[in-house]
Amino acid sequence: MASNRTLLVNNGRKYIFARKGDSFASLAQEFNIYSFQIWRYNNLDKRDKLKEGDMVYLEKKEIKPPRLIILLREEKQCVLSLNIMVLNLKKLYWYNRMNHGDEPHVGQALWMQQRKPIE
């Protein structure tokens, strides 16, 4: 991986922050990997678009998120910590029996590896 960018490491996996104009194809070429690897490593779809500042993993993550977390911070900080774990949003909704577009609130428990029990 030869690039003029600073490679960062989170949980033993290399990542970068996307720059303005970055695409899956341009990053794949820059880091000598395939576009589909970037999609997979970041739980994205080829139709998704990268935005400036997006955290983009360049290696496969082996680490699973915790089974259950409880939101103790304000929304913006929680989004950042969820992005670091890179959990597919569709799965997060499914695990927590939430509808698309629902937003968790401070103090709410979020299930991350298994489905929330029916209350």
N, C-alpha and C. Protein backbone atom coordinates (compact mmCIF):
# COMPACT_ATOMS: atom_id res chain seq x y z
N MET A 1 0.82 -1.18 0.00
CA MET A 1 0.00 0.00 0.00
C MET A 1 0.87 1.25 0.00
N ALA A 2 1.17 1.75 -1.14
CA ALA A 2 1.98 2.96 -1.24
C ALA A 2 1.05 4.14 -1.52
N SER A 3 1.05 5.10 -0.59
CA SER A 3 0.18 6.25 -0.73
C SER A 3 0.80 7.42 0.04
N ASN A 4 0.37 8.62 -0.30
CA ASN A 4 0.86 9.79 0.42
C ASN A 4 -0.06 10.15 1.59
N ARG A 5 -0.97 9.28 1.94
CA ARG A 5 -1.88 9.53 3.06
C ARG A 5 -1.33 8.91 4.34
N THR A 6 -1.82 9.43 5.44
CA THR A 6 -1.47 8.86 6.74
C THR A 6 -2.39 7.68 7.01
N LEU A 7 -1.80 6.50 7.19
CA LEU A 7 -2.59 5.33 7.55
C LEU A 7 -2.75 5.31 9.07
N LEU A 8 -3.96 5.12 9.51
CA LEU A 8 -4.26 5.04 10.93
C LEU A 8 -4.62 3.60 11.27
N VAL A 9 -4.60 3.25 12.54
CA VAL A 9 -4.91 1.89 12.96
C VAL A 9 -5.95 1.93 14.07
N ASN A 10 -6.98 1.10 13.92
CA ASN A 10 -8.02 0.94 14.94
C ASN A 10 -8.25 -0.56 15.12
N ASN A 11 -8.12 -1.04 16.33
CA ASN A 11 -8.29 -2.47 16.62
C ASN A 11 -7.43 -3.33 15.70
N GLY A 12 -6.22 -2.86 15.41
CA GLY A 12 -5.29 -3.63 14.59
C GLY A 12 -5.56 -3.59 13.10
N ARG A 13 -6.50 -2.76 12.64
CA ARG A 13 -6.86 -2.69 11.23
C ARG A 13 -6.57 -1.30 10.69
N LYS A 14 -5.95 -1.24 9.50
CA LYS A 14 -5.59 0.03 8.87
C LYS A 14 -6.83 0.70 8.29
N TYR A 15 -6.86 2.04 8.45
CA TYR A 15 -7.95 2.82 7.86
C TYR A 15 -7.43 4.21 7.53
N ILE A 16 -8.22 4.91 6.74
CA ILE A 16 -7.95 6.31 6.40
C ILE A 16 -9.26 7.08 6.54
N PHE A 17 -9.17 8.38 6.44
CA PHE A 17 -10.36 9.21 6.33
C PHE A 17 -10.49 9.64 4.88
N ALA A 18 -11.68 9.50 4.34
CA ALA A 18 -11.91 9.85 2.93
C ALA A 18 -11.71 11.35 2.72
N ARG A 19 -11.19 11.65 1.56
CA ARG A 19 -11.01 13.04 1.14
C ARG A 19 -12.07 13.39 0.12
N LYS A 20 -12.25 14.68 -0.10
CA LYS A 20 -13.20 15.14 -1.11
C LYS A 20 -12.83 14.53 -2.45
N GLY A 21 -13.79 13.94 -3.13
CA GLY A 21 -13.57 13.36 -4.45
C GLY A 21 -13.17 11.89 -4.44
N ASP A 22 -12.94 11.32 -3.25
CA ASP A 22 -12.59 9.90 -3.19
C ASP A 22 -13.76 9.03 -3.63
N SER A 23 -13.44 7.94 -4.28
CA SER A 23 -14.44 6.94 -4.65
C SER A 23 -13.86 5.58 -4.31
N PHE A 24 -14.69 4.55 -4.35
CA PHE A 24 -14.20 3.20 -4.10
C PHE A 24 -13.10 2.85 -5.11
N ALA A 25 -13.33 3.21 -6.36
CA ALA A 25 -12.37 2.89 -7.42
C ALA A 25 -11.04 3.61 -7.20
N SER A 26 -11.10 4.90 -6.85
CA SER A 26 -9.85 5.64 -6.67
C SER A 26 -9.07 5.14 -5.46
N LEU A 27 -9.77 4.80 -4.38
CA LEU A 27 -9.08 4.26 -3.21
C LEU A 27 -8.52 2.87 -3.49
N ALA A 28 -9.27 2.06 -4.22
CA ALA A 28 -8.80 0.72 -4.57
C ALA A 28 -7.51 0.82 -5.38
N GLN A 29 -7.48 1.73 -6.33
CA GLN A 29 -6.27 1.90 -7.14
C GLN A 29 -5.12 2.44 -6.30
N GLU A 30 -5.41 3.41 -5.45
CA GLU A 30 -4.37 4.03 -4.62
C GLU A 30 -3.73 3.04 -3.65
N PHE A 31 -4.55 2.11 -3.11
CA PHE A 31 -4.04 1.18 -2.11
C PHE A 31 -3.87 -0.24 -2.64
N ASN A 32 -3.97 -0.40 -3.95
CA ASN A 32 -3.71 -1.67 -4.61
C ASN A 32 -4.58 -2.82 -4.06
N ILE A 33 -5.87 -2.52 -3.92
CA ILE A 33 -6.85 -3.53 -3.53
C ILE A 33 -8.05 -3.39 -4.47
N TYR A 34 -9.03 -4.25 -4.31
CA TYR A 34 -10.22 -4.20 -5.16
C TYR A 34 -11.32 -3.37 -4.51
N SER A 35 -12.15 -2.74 -5.34
CA SER A 35 -13.26 -1.94 -4.82
C SER A 35 -14.18 -2.75 -3.92
N PHE A 36 -14.46 -4.00 -4.32
CA PHE A 36 -15.38 -4.81 -3.52
C PHE A 36 -14.83 -5.07 -2.12
N GLN A 37 -13.50 -5.08 -1.97
CA GLN A 37 -12.92 -5.27 -0.65
C GLN A 37 -13.24 -4.07 0.25
N ILE A 38 -13.18 -2.89 -0.31
CA ILE A 38 -13.52 -1.70 0.48
C ILE A 38 -14.98 -1.75 0.90
N TRP A 39 -15.87 -2.16 -0.01
CA TRP A 39 -17.29 -2.27 0.35
C TRP A 39 -17.46 -3.24 1.51
N ARG A 40 -16.86 -4.41 1.38
CA ARG A 40 -17.00 -5.45 2.41
C ARG A 40 -16.40 -5.03 3.74
N TYR A 41 -15.20 -4.49 3.70
CA TYR A 41 -14.51 -4.12 4.94
C TYR A 41 -15.27 -3.05 5.71
N ASN A 42 -16.10 -2.29 5.01
CA ASN A 42 -16.81 -1.18 5.63
C ASN A 42 -18.33 -1.37 5.67
N ASN A 43 -18.78 -2.60 5.39
CA ASN A 43 -20.21 -2.93 5.40
C ASN A 43 -21.01 -1.96 4.54
N LEU A 44 -20.50 -1.71 3.34
CA LEU A 44 -21.14 -0.80 2.40
C LEU A 44 -21.59 -1.56 1.16
N ASP A 45 -22.30 -0.87 0.31
CA ASP A 45 -22.78 -1.40 -0.96
C ASP A 45 -22.14 -0.58 -2.07
N LYS A 46 -21.99 -1.16 -3.23
CA LYS A 46 -21.36 -0.42 -4.33
C LYS A 46 -22.13 0.82 -4.73
N ARG A 47 -23.40 0.91 -4.36
CA ARG A 47 -24.19 2.11 -4.67
C ARG A 47 -23.93 3.24 -3.68
N ASP A 48 -23.32 2.91 -2.53
CA ASP A 48 -23.02 3.94 -1.53
C ASP A 48 -21.94 4.88 -2.07
N LYS A 49 -21.94 6.09 -1.55
CA LYS A 49 -20.94 7.09 -1.95
C LYS A 49 -20.12 7.46 -0.72
N LEU A 50 -18.84 7.69 -0.93
CA LEU A 50 -17.97 8.14 0.15
C LEU A 50 -18.10 9.65 0.30
N LYS A 51 -18.08 10.10 1.55
CA LYS A 51 -18.12 11.52 1.83
C LYS A 51 -16.81 11.91 2.51
N GLU A 52 -16.40 13.14 2.33
CA GLU A 52 -15.19 13.63 2.98
C GLU A 52 -15.31 13.41 4.49
N GLY A 53 -14.28 12.82 5.07
CA GLY A 53 -14.28 12.57 6.51
C GLY A 53 -14.75 11.19 6.91
N ASP A 54 -15.30 10.41 5.97
CA ASP A 54 -15.73 9.04 6.28
C ASP A 54 -14.52 8.20 6.66
N MET A 55 -14.66 7.38 7.70
CA MET A 55 -13.62 6.43 8.08
C MET A 55 -13.72 5.24 7.13
N VAL A 56 -12.61 4.91 6.46
CA VAL A 56 -12.61 3.83 5.46
C VAL A 56 -11.55 2.81 5.84
N TYR A 57 -12.01 1.60 6.20
CA TYR A 57 -11.08 0.53 6.53
C TYR A 57 -10.48 -0.05 5.25
N LEU A 58 -9.20 -0.39 5.31
CA LEU A 58 -8.49 -0.94 4.16
C LEU A 58 -8.14 -2.41 4.37
N GLU A 59 -8.52 -2.94 5.51
CA GLU A 59 -8.28 -4.34 5.83
C GLU A 59 -9.53 -4.92 6.47
N LYS A 60 -9.66 -6.24 6.35
CA LYS A 60 -10.79 -6.95 6.93
C LYS A 60 -10.73 -6.87 8.45
N LYS A 61 -11.88 -6.62 9.05
CA LYS A 61 -11.98 -6.57 10.50
C LYS A 61 -12.40 -7.94 11.02
N GLU A 62 -11.69 -8.46 11.97
CA GLU A 62 -12.00 -9.75 12.57
C GLU A 62 -12.76 -9.60 13.88
N ILE A 63 -12.75 -8.40 14.40
CA ILE A 63 -13.30 -8.16 15.73
C ILE A 63 -14.81 -7.94 15.65
N LYS A 64 -15.54 -8.66 16.49
CA LYS A 64 -16.99 -8.50 16.54
C LYS A 64 -17.33 -7.42 17.56
N PRO A 65 -18.41 -6.70 17.32
CA PRO A 65 -18.85 -5.70 18.29
C PRO A 65 -19.39 -6.40 19.54
N PRO A 66 -19.50 -5.68 20.64
CA PRO A 66 -20.07 -6.30 21.84
C PRO A 66 -21.52 -6.70 21.60
N ARG A 67 -22.03 -7.62 22.41
CA ARG A 67 -23.40 -8.07 22.23
C ARG A 67 -24.42 -6.98 22.53
N LEU A 68 -24.12 -6.17 23.52
CA LEU A 68 -25.08 -5.16 23.97
C LEU A 68 -24.31 -3.93 24.43
N ILE A 69 -24.74 -2.76 23.99
CA ILE A 69 -24.18 -1.52 24.52
C ILE A 69 -25.34 -0.66 24.98
N ILE A 70 -25.06 0.25 25.87
CA ILE A 70 -26.07 1.19 26.33
C ILE A 70 -25.58 2.59 25.98
N LEU A 71 -26.42 3.35 25.31
CA LEU A 71 -26.04 4.69 24.89
C LEU A 71 -26.02 5.61 26.10
N LEU A 72 -24.84 6.12 26.41
CA LEU A 72 -24.68 7.00 27.56
C LEU A 72 -24.26 8.40 27.16
N ARG A 73 -24.11 8.63 25.86
CA ARG A 73 -23.62 9.92 25.37
C ARG A 73 -24.65 10.55 24.45
N GLU A 74 -24.36 11.78 24.09
CA GLU A 74 -25.21 12.46 23.13
C GLU A 74 -25.08 11.82 21.76
N GLU A 75 -26.04 12.06 20.90
CA GLU A 75 -26.17 11.40 19.60
C GLU A 75 -24.90 11.47 18.75
N LYS A 76 -24.28 12.63 18.59
CA LYS A 76 -23.13 12.76 17.69
C LYS A 76 -21.97 11.89 18.14
N GLN A 77 -21.74 11.81 19.44
CA GLN A 77 -20.65 10.97 19.94
C GLN A 77 -20.97 9.50 19.75
N CYS A 78 -22.22 9.11 19.89
CA CYS A 78 -22.61 7.71 19.70
C CYS A 78 -22.43 7.30 18.25
N VAL A 79 -22.78 8.16 17.34
CA VAL A 79 -22.62 7.84 15.93
C VAL A 79 -21.16 7.57 15.64
N LEU A 80 -20.26 8.38 16.20
CA LEU A 80 -18.83 8.17 15.99
C LEU A 80 -18.41 6.80 16.52
N SER A 81 -18.83 6.44 17.74
CA SER A 81 -18.41 5.15 18.29
C SER A 81 -19.03 4.00 17.51
N LEU A 82 -20.23 4.15 16.98
CA LEU A 82 -20.82 3.09 16.16
C LEU A 82 -20.09 2.99 14.83
N ASN A 83 -19.65 4.13 14.27
CA ASN A 83 -18.89 4.08 13.03
C ASN A 83 -17.58 3.35 13.20
N ILE A 84 -16.96 3.50 14.35
CA ILE A 84 -15.70 2.80 14.60
C ILE A 84 -15.93 1.30 14.59
N MET A 85 -17.07 0.85 15.10
CA MET A 85 -17.38 -0.58 15.09
C MET A 85 -17.85 -1.04 13.72
N VAL A 86 -18.32 -0.14 12.91
CA VAL A 86 -18.79 -0.42 11.56
C VAL A 86 -19.78 -1.58 11.54
N LEU A 87 -20.90 -1.37 12.15
CA LEU A 87 -21.99 -2.33 12.15
C LEU A 87 -22.97 -1.90 11.08
N ASN A 88 -23.40 -2.81 10.26
CA ASN A 88 -24.36 -2.52 9.21
C ASN A 88 -25.63 -1.97 9.84
N LEU A 89 -26.08 -0.79 9.36
CA LEU A 89 -27.23 -0.13 9.94
C LEU A 89 -28.49 -0.99 9.83
N LYS A 90 -28.65 -1.72 8.71
CA LYS A 90 -29.81 -2.59 8.56
C LYS A 90 -29.83 -3.65 9.67
N LYS A 91 -28.64 -4.20 9.98
CA LYS A 91 -28.56 -5.19 11.04
C LYS A 91 -28.87 -4.57 12.39
N LEU A 92 -28.38 -3.35 12.62
CA LEU A 92 -28.66 -2.67 13.88
C LEU A 92 -30.16 -2.50 14.08
N TYR A 93 -30.87 -2.08 13.03
CA TYR A 93 -32.33 -1.96 13.12
C TYR A 93 -32.97 -3.32 13.40
N TRP A 94 -32.52 -4.35 12.69
CA TRP A 94 -33.10 -5.68 12.84
C TRP A 94 -32.84 -6.23 14.23
N TYR A 95 -31.58 -6.16 14.70
CA TYR A 95 -31.25 -6.66 16.03
C TYR A 95 -32.10 -6.00 17.11
N ASN A 96 -32.43 -4.74 16.94
CA ASN A 96 -33.11 -3.97 17.97
C ASN A 96 -34.60 -3.79 17.71
N ARG A 97 -35.11 -4.51 16.69
CA ARG A 97 -36.53 -4.45 16.36
C ARG A 97 -37.00 -3.00 16.17
N MET A 98 -36.17 -2.24 15.46
CA MET A 98 -36.47 -0.83 15.18
C MET A 98 -36.88 -0.68 13.72
N ASN A 99 -37.64 0.35 13.42
CA ASN A 99 -37.98 0.67 12.04
C ASN A 99 -36.90 1.55 11.45
N HIS A 100 -36.72 1.45 10.13
CA HIS A 100 -35.74 2.28 9.45
C HIS A 100 -36.05 3.75 9.74
N GLY A 101 -35.04 4.48 10.15
CA GLY A 101 -35.21 5.89 10.46
C GLY A 101 -35.40 6.16 11.94
N ASP A 102 -35.71 5.13 12.75
CA ASP A 102 -35.81 5.32 14.20
C ASP A 102 -34.45 5.70 14.74
N GLU A 103 -34.42 6.57 15.73
CA GLU A 103 -33.16 6.98 16.34
C GLU A 103 -33.12 6.52 17.79
N PRO A 104 -32.01 5.92 18.20
CA PRO A 104 -31.88 5.53 19.60
C PRO A 104 -31.77 6.77 20.49
N HIS A 105 -32.12 6.62 21.75
CA HIS A 105 -32.03 7.73 22.68
C HIS A 105 -31.03 7.41 23.78
N VAL A 106 -30.56 8.45 24.45
CA VAL A 106 -29.60 8.27 25.53
C VAL A 106 -30.22 7.36 26.59
N GLY A 107 -29.46 6.36 27.01
CA GLY A 107 -29.93 5.40 28.01
C GLY A 107 -30.53 4.14 27.41
N GLN A 108 -30.76 4.13 26.11
CA GLN A 108 -31.33 2.96 25.44
C GLN A 108 -30.25 1.90 25.23
N ALA A 109 -30.58 0.66 25.51
CA ALA A 109 -29.67 -0.46 25.24
C ALA A 109 -29.79 -0.83 23.77
N LEU A 110 -28.65 -1.02 23.11
CA LEU A 110 -28.63 -1.45 21.71
C LEU A 110 -28.00 -2.82 21.62
N TRP A 111 -28.70 -3.74 20.97
CA TRP A 111 -28.20 -5.09 20.75
C TRP A 111 -27.35 -5.08 19.51
N MET A 112 -26.18 -5.77 19.57
CA MET A 112 -25.21 -5.67 18.49
C MET A 112 -24.90 -7.01 17.80
N GLN A 113 -25.17 -8.14 18.45
CA GLN A 113 -24.84 -9.45 17.85
C GLN A 113 -26.00 -10.41 17.82
N GLN A 114 -27.01 -10.12 18.58
CA GLN A 114 -28.18 -11.00 18.58
C GLN A 114 -29.43 -10.13 18.69
N ARG A 115 -30.54 -10.72 18.38
CA ARG A 115 -31.79 -9.96 18.34
C ARG A 115 -32.32 -9.67 19.74
N LYS A 116 -32.80 -8.47 19.92
CA LYS A 116 -33.38 -8.05 21.18
C LYS A 116 -34.58 -8.93 21.50
N PRO A 117 -34.70 -9.40 22.74
CA PRO A 117 -35.88 -10.22 23.09
C PRO A 117 -37.17 -9.40 22.95
N ILE A 118 -38.23 -10.08 22.63
CA ILE A 118 -39.54 -9.40 22.53
C ILE A 118 -39.99 -9.04 23.92
N GLU A 119 -40.40 -7.78 24.07
CA GLU A 119 -40.83 -7.29 25.40
C GLU A 119 -42.26 -7.60 25.66
